[in-house]
Amino acid sequence: MDNFVADAIYIDAPPERVFQALLEPEDVLVWMDAARAEVDARPGGVFTALRMDGSSVSGTISALQPSRAIEIGEWAHESGGVKRGSMTLRFLLEPRDGGVWLTVRQDGLDLGPKGWQDFALAARRDLVRSTVALKRHIEGI
């Protein structure tokens, strides 16, 4: 069994704007529904967000291709004192028809611990919710 999931959403904006919104802390606050965000937008830099619900996500930026791709390694989620992960999170941007298809791919889901399926589904739902919020934020809807 493959241990990845991927979802895509079309955003009616230039790839440069979508790429920027994925990395600018002020934008991250909005689409991650976060109280605090820290992004050091370079390979080896940190990406963290303390969510409004008290949970947090964090990882290390492992690759950047301006306006094309972001890879965050060691992506983990913590809630209620329980930390799950790590996995690799990839944002892939494909320009199309004046906008961009944004594919979000989670690789290396932690399949071992009990409850991994529930965690994987929750992580996927969370990222889908966040990318819809990103679309709404960028498009002003």
C-alpha atoms as a PDB file:
ATOM      1  CA  MET A   1       0.000   0.000   0.000  1.00  0.00           C
ATOM      2  CA  ASP A   2       1.242   3.466  -0.869  1.00  0.00           C
ATOM      3  CA  ASN A   3       1.494   5.780   2.106  1.00  0.00           C
ATOM      4  CA  PHE A   4       0.569   9.059   0.456  1.00  0.00           C
ATOM      5  CA  VAL A   5      -2.488  11.124  -0.366  1.00  0.00           C
ATOM      6  CA  ALA A   6      -2.839  14.009  -2.798  1.00  0.00           C
ATOM      7  CA  ASP A   7      -5.554  16.561  -3.440  1.00  0.00           C
ATOM      8  CA  ALA A   8      -5.731  19.448  -5.896  1.00  0.00           C
ATOM      9  CA  ILE A   9      -7.597  22.742  -6.106  1.00  0.00           C
ATOM     10  CA  TYR A  10      -7.718  25.409  -8.801  1.00  0.00           C
ATOM     11  CA  ILE A  11      -6.893  28.947  -7.658  1.00  0.00           C
ATOM     12  CA  ASP A  12      -7.676  31.837  -9.980  1.00  0.00           C
ATOM     13  CA  ALA A  13      -4.459  33.764  -9.383  1.00  0.00           C
ATOM     14  CA  PRO A  14      -0.930  33.830 -10.780  1.00  0.00           C
ATOM     15  CA  PRO A  15       1.436  31.148  -9.466  1.00  0.00           C
ATOM     16  CA  GLU A  16       3.630  33.863  -7.925  1.00  0.00           C
ATOM     17  CA  ARG A  17       0.748  35.019  -5.713  1.00  0.00           C
ATOM     18  CA  VAL A  18      -0.148  31.484  -4.605  1.00  0.00           C
ATOM     19  CA  PHE A  19       3.501  30.699  -3.867  1.00  0.00           C
ATOM     20  CA  GLN A  20       3.800  33.917  -1.845  1.00  0.00           C
ATOM     21  CA  ALA A  21       0.646  33.135   0.160  1.00  0.00           C
ATOM     22  CA  LEU A  22       1.988  29.703   1.064  1.00  0.00           C
ATOM     23  CA  LEU A  23       5.077  31.273   2.650  1.00  0.00           C
ATOM     24  CA  GLU A  24       4.141  34.746   3.958  1.00  0.00           C
ATOM     25  CA  PRO A  25       3.343  34.507   7.699  1.00  0.00           C
ATOM     26  CA  GLU A  26       0.489  37.052   7.373  1.00  0.00           C
ATOM     27  CA  ASP A  27      -1.155  34.861   4.729  1.00  0.00           C
ATOM     28  CA  VAL A  28      -0.401  31.634   6.627  1.00  0.00           C
ATOM     29  CA  LEU A  29      -2.327  33.034   9.610  1.00  0.00           C
ATOM     30  CA  VAL A  30      -5.433  33.218   7.421  1.00  0.00           C
ATOM     31  CA  TRP A  31      -5.378  29.949   5.489  1.00  0.00           C
ATOM     32  CA  MET A  32      -4.099  27.881   8.427  1.00  0.00           C
ATOM     33  CA  ASP A  33      -6.586  29.543  10.837  1.00  0.00           C
ATOM     34  CA  ALA A  34      -3.619  30.290  13.058  1.00  0.00           C
ATOM     35  CA  ALA A  35      -2.925  32.585  15.979  1.00  0.00           C
ATOM     36  CA  ARG A  36       0.804  32.591  15.235  1.00  0.00           C
ATOM     37  CA  ALA A  37       2.919  31.576  12.257  1.00  0.00           C
ATOM     38  CA  GLU A  38       6.636  31.507  11.619  1.00  0.00           C
ATOM     39  CA  VAL A  39       8.082  30.845   8.191  1.00  0.00           C
ATOM     40  CA  ASP A  40      11.761  31.014   7.289  1.00  0.00           C
ATOM     41  CA  ALA A  41      11.324  30.693   3.518  1.00  0.00           C
ATOM     42  CA  ARG A  42      14.569  28.965   2.587  1.00  0.00           C
ATOM     43  CA  PRO A  43      15.785  25.363   2.489  1.00  0.00           C
ATOM     44  CA  GLY A  44      16.450  24.377   6.079  1.00  0.00           C
ATOM     45  CA  GLY A  45      14.063  27.055   7.337  1.00  0.00           C
ATOM     46  CA  VAL A  46      11.241  26.403   9.748  1.00  0.00           C
ATOM     47  CA  PHE A  47       7.501  26.410   9.014  1.00  0.00           C
ATOM     48  CA  THR A  48       5.287  26.458  12.121  1.00  0.00           C
ATOM     49  CA  ALA A  49       1.737  27.496  12.882  1.00  0.00           C
ATOM     50  CA  LEU A  50      -0.092  27.562  16.199  1.00  0.00           C
ATOM     51  CA  ARG A  51      -3.710  27.003  15.203  1.00  0.00           C
ATOM     52  CA  MET A  52      -6.681  28.772  16.773  1.00  0.00           C
ATOM     53  CA  ASP A  53      -7.938  25.416  18.069  1.00  0.00           C
ATOM     54  CA  GLY A  54      -4.735  24.998  20.123  1.00  0.00           C
ATOM     55  CA  SER A  55      -3.140  22.437  17.801  1.00  0.00           C
ATOM     56  CA  SER A  56       0.082  23.120  15.945  1.00  0.00           C
ATOM     57  CA  VAL A  57       1.845  22.034  12.784  1.00  0.00           C
ATOM     58  CA  SER A  58       5.540  22.282  12.086  1.00  0.00           C
ATOM     59  CA  GLY A  59       8.208  21.174   9.675  1.00  0.00           C
ATOM     60  CA  THR A  60      11.416  22.121   7.937  1.00  0.00           C
ATOM     61  CA  ILE A  61      11.433  23.502   4.419  1.00  0.00           C
ATOM     62  CA  SER A  62      13.497  21.021   2.443  1.00  0.00           C
ATOM     63  CA  ALA A  63      13.036  22.402  -1.089  1.00  0.00           C
ATOM     64  CA  LEU A  64      11.803  25.563  -2.801  1.00  0.00           C
ATOM     65  CA  GLN A  65      11.259  26.179  -6.486  1.00  0.00           C
ATOM     66  CA  PRO A  66       9.850  29.721  -6.748  1.00  0.00           C
ATOM     67  CA  SER A  67       6.286  29.732  -8.077  1.00  0.00           C
ATOM     68  CA  ARG A  68       6.487  25.970  -8.737  1.00  0.00           C
ATOM     69  CA  ALA A  69       6.950  23.875  -5.598  1.00  0.00           C
ATOM     70  CA  ILE A  70       7.492  23.842  -1.853  1.00  0.00           C
ATOM     71  CA  GLU A  71       8.504  20.776   0.100  1.00  0.00           C
ATOM     72  CA  ILE A  72       8.297  20.659   3.880  1.00  0.00           C
ATOM     73  CA  GLY A  73       9.952  17.698   5.549  1.00  0.00           C
ATOM     74  CA  GLU A  74       9.426  16.404   9.054  1.00  0.00           C
ATOM     75  CA  TRP A  75       5.840  17.766   8.909  1.00  0.00           C
ATOM     76  CA  ALA A  76       4.136  16.960  12.201  1.00  0.00           C
ATOM     77  CA  HIS A  77       0.858  17.764  13.902  1.00  0.00           C
ATOM     78  CA  GLU A  78       0.464  18.196  17.654  1.00  0.00           C
ATOM     79  CA  SER A  79      -2.832  18.353  19.515  1.00  0.00           C
ATOM     80  CA  GLY A  80      -3.664  17.721  23.142  1.00  0.00           C
ATOM     81  CA  GLY A  81      -0.062  16.812  23.926  1.00  0.00           C
ATOM     82  CA  VAL A  82       0.015  14.103  21.231  1.00  0.00           C
ATOM     83  CA  LYS A  83       2.426  14.584  18.340  1.00  0.00           C
ATOM     84  CA  ARG A  84       1.883  12.675  15.089  1.00  0.00           C
ATOM     85  CA  GLY A  85       4.011  12.563  11.989  1.00  0.00           C
ATOM     86  CA  SER A  86       6.386  13.095  10.593  1.00  0.00           C
ATOM     87  CA  MET A  87       5.705  13.108   6.893  1.00  0.00           C
ATOM     88  CA  THR A  88       6.679  15.144   3.854  1.00  0.00           C
ATOM     89  CA  LEU A  89       4.253  17.787   2.640  1.00  0.00           C
ATOM     90  CA  ARG A  90       4.523  19.023  -0.933  1.00  0.00           C
ATOM     91  CA  PHE A  91       2.775  21.963  -2.581  1.00  0.00           C
ATOM     92  CA  LEU A  92       3.029  21.689  -6.373  1.00  0.00           C
ATOM     93  CA  LEU A  93       1.882  24.615  -8.530  1.00  0.00           C
ATOM     94  CA  GLU A  94       0.905  24.065 -12.165  1.00  0.00           C
ATOM     95  CA  PRO A  95      -0.026  27.194 -14.154  1.00  0.00           C
ATOM     96  CA  ARG A  96      -3.201  26.767 -16.181  1.00  0.00           C
ATOM     97  CA  ASP A  97      -5.687  29.144 -17.837  1.00  0.00           C
ATOM     98  CA  GLY A  98      -4.453  32.253 -16.017  1.00  0.00           C
ATOM     99  CA  GLY A  99      -4.515  30.553 -12.619  1.00  0.00           C
ATOM    100  CA  VAL A 100      -2.830  27.634 -10.959  1.00  0.00           C
ATOM    101  CA  TRP A 101      -3.658  24.063 -10.015  1.00  0.00           C
ATOM    102  CA  LEU A 102      -2.311  23.552  -6.519  1.00  0.00           C
ATOM    103  CA  THR A 103      -1.663  19.923  -5.614  1.00  0.00           C
ATOM    104  CA  VAL A 104      -1.047  19.141  -1.959  1.00  0.00           C
ATOM    105  CA  ARG A 105       0.639  15.790  -1.402  1.00  0.00           C
ATOM    106  CA  GLN A 106       1.381  14.103   1.913  1.00  0.00           C
ATOM    107  CA  ASP A 107       4.070  11.429   1.694  1.00  0.00           C
ATOM    108  CA  GLY A 108       5.326   9.051   4.355  1.00  0.00           C
ATOM    109  CA  LEU A 109       2.181   8.943   6.477  1.00  0.00           C
ATOM    110  CA  ASP A 110       3.021   7.304   9.808  1.00  0.00           C
ATOM    111  CA  LEU A 111       1.379   3.945   9.208  1.00  0.00           C
ATOM    112  CA  GLY A 112       2.761   2.144  12.237  1.00  0.00           C
ATOM    113  CA  PRO A 113       1.131   3.454  15.413  1.00  0.00           C
ATOM    114  CA  LYS A 114      -2.366   2.445  16.389  1.00  0.00           C
ATOM    115  CA  GLY A 115      -4.923   4.862  15.012  1.00  0.00           C
ATOM    116  CA  TRP A 116      -2.840   5.858  11.987  1.00  0.00           C
ATOM    117  CA  GLN A 117      -5.857   5.666   9.668  1.00  0.00           C
ATOM    118  CA  ASP A 118      -7.821   8.140  11.775  1.00  0.00           C
ATOM    119  CA  PHE A 119      -4.794  10.432  11.922  1.00  0.00           C
ATOM    120  CA  ALA A 120      -4.229  10.200   8.148  1.00  0.00           C
ATOM    121  CA  LEU A 121      -7.872  11.056   7.439  1.00  0.00           C
ATOM    122  CA  ALA A 122      -7.849  13.950   9.921  1.00  0.00           C
ATOM    123  CA  ALA A 123      -4.591  15.328   8.443  1.00  0.00           C
ATOM    124  CA  ARG A 124      -6.044  15.109   4.945  1.00  0.00           C
ATOM    125  CA  ARG A 125      -9.298  16.826   5.963  1.00  0.00           C
ATOM    126  CA  ASP A 126      -7.288  19.558   7.666  1.00  0.00           C
ATOM    127  CA  LEU A 127      -5.160  20.201   4.579  1.00  0.00           C
ATOM    128  CA  VAL A 128      -8.209  20.230   2.295  1.00  0.00           C
ATOM    129  CA  ARG A 129      -9.885  22.739   4.629  1.00  0.00           C
ATOM    130  CA  SER A 130      -6.721  24.857   4.641  1.00  0.00           C
ATOM    131  CA  THR A 131      -6.325  24.865   0.854  1.00  0.00           C
ATOM    132  CA  VAL A 132      -9.972  25.880   0.393  1.00  0.00           C
ATOM    133  CA  ALA A 133      -9.313  28.721   2.875  1.00  0.00           C
ATOM    134  CA  LEU A 134      -6.190  29.618   0.845  1.00  0.00           C
ATOM    135  CA  LYS A 135      -8.267  29.779  -2.346  1.00  0.00           C
ATOM    136  CA  ARG A 136     -10.914  31.958  -0.679  1.00  0.00           C
ATOM    137  CA  HIS A 137      -8.257  34.228   0.806  1.00  0.00           C
ATOM    138  CA  ILE A 138      -6.415  34.755  -2.468  1.00  0.00           C
ATOM    139  CA  GLU A 139      -9.541  35.118  -4.600  1.00  0.00           C
ATOM    140  CA  GLY A 140     -11.287  37.342  -2.047  1.00  0.00           C
ATOM    141  CA  ILE A 141     -14.344  35.102  -1.699  1.00  0.00           C
END
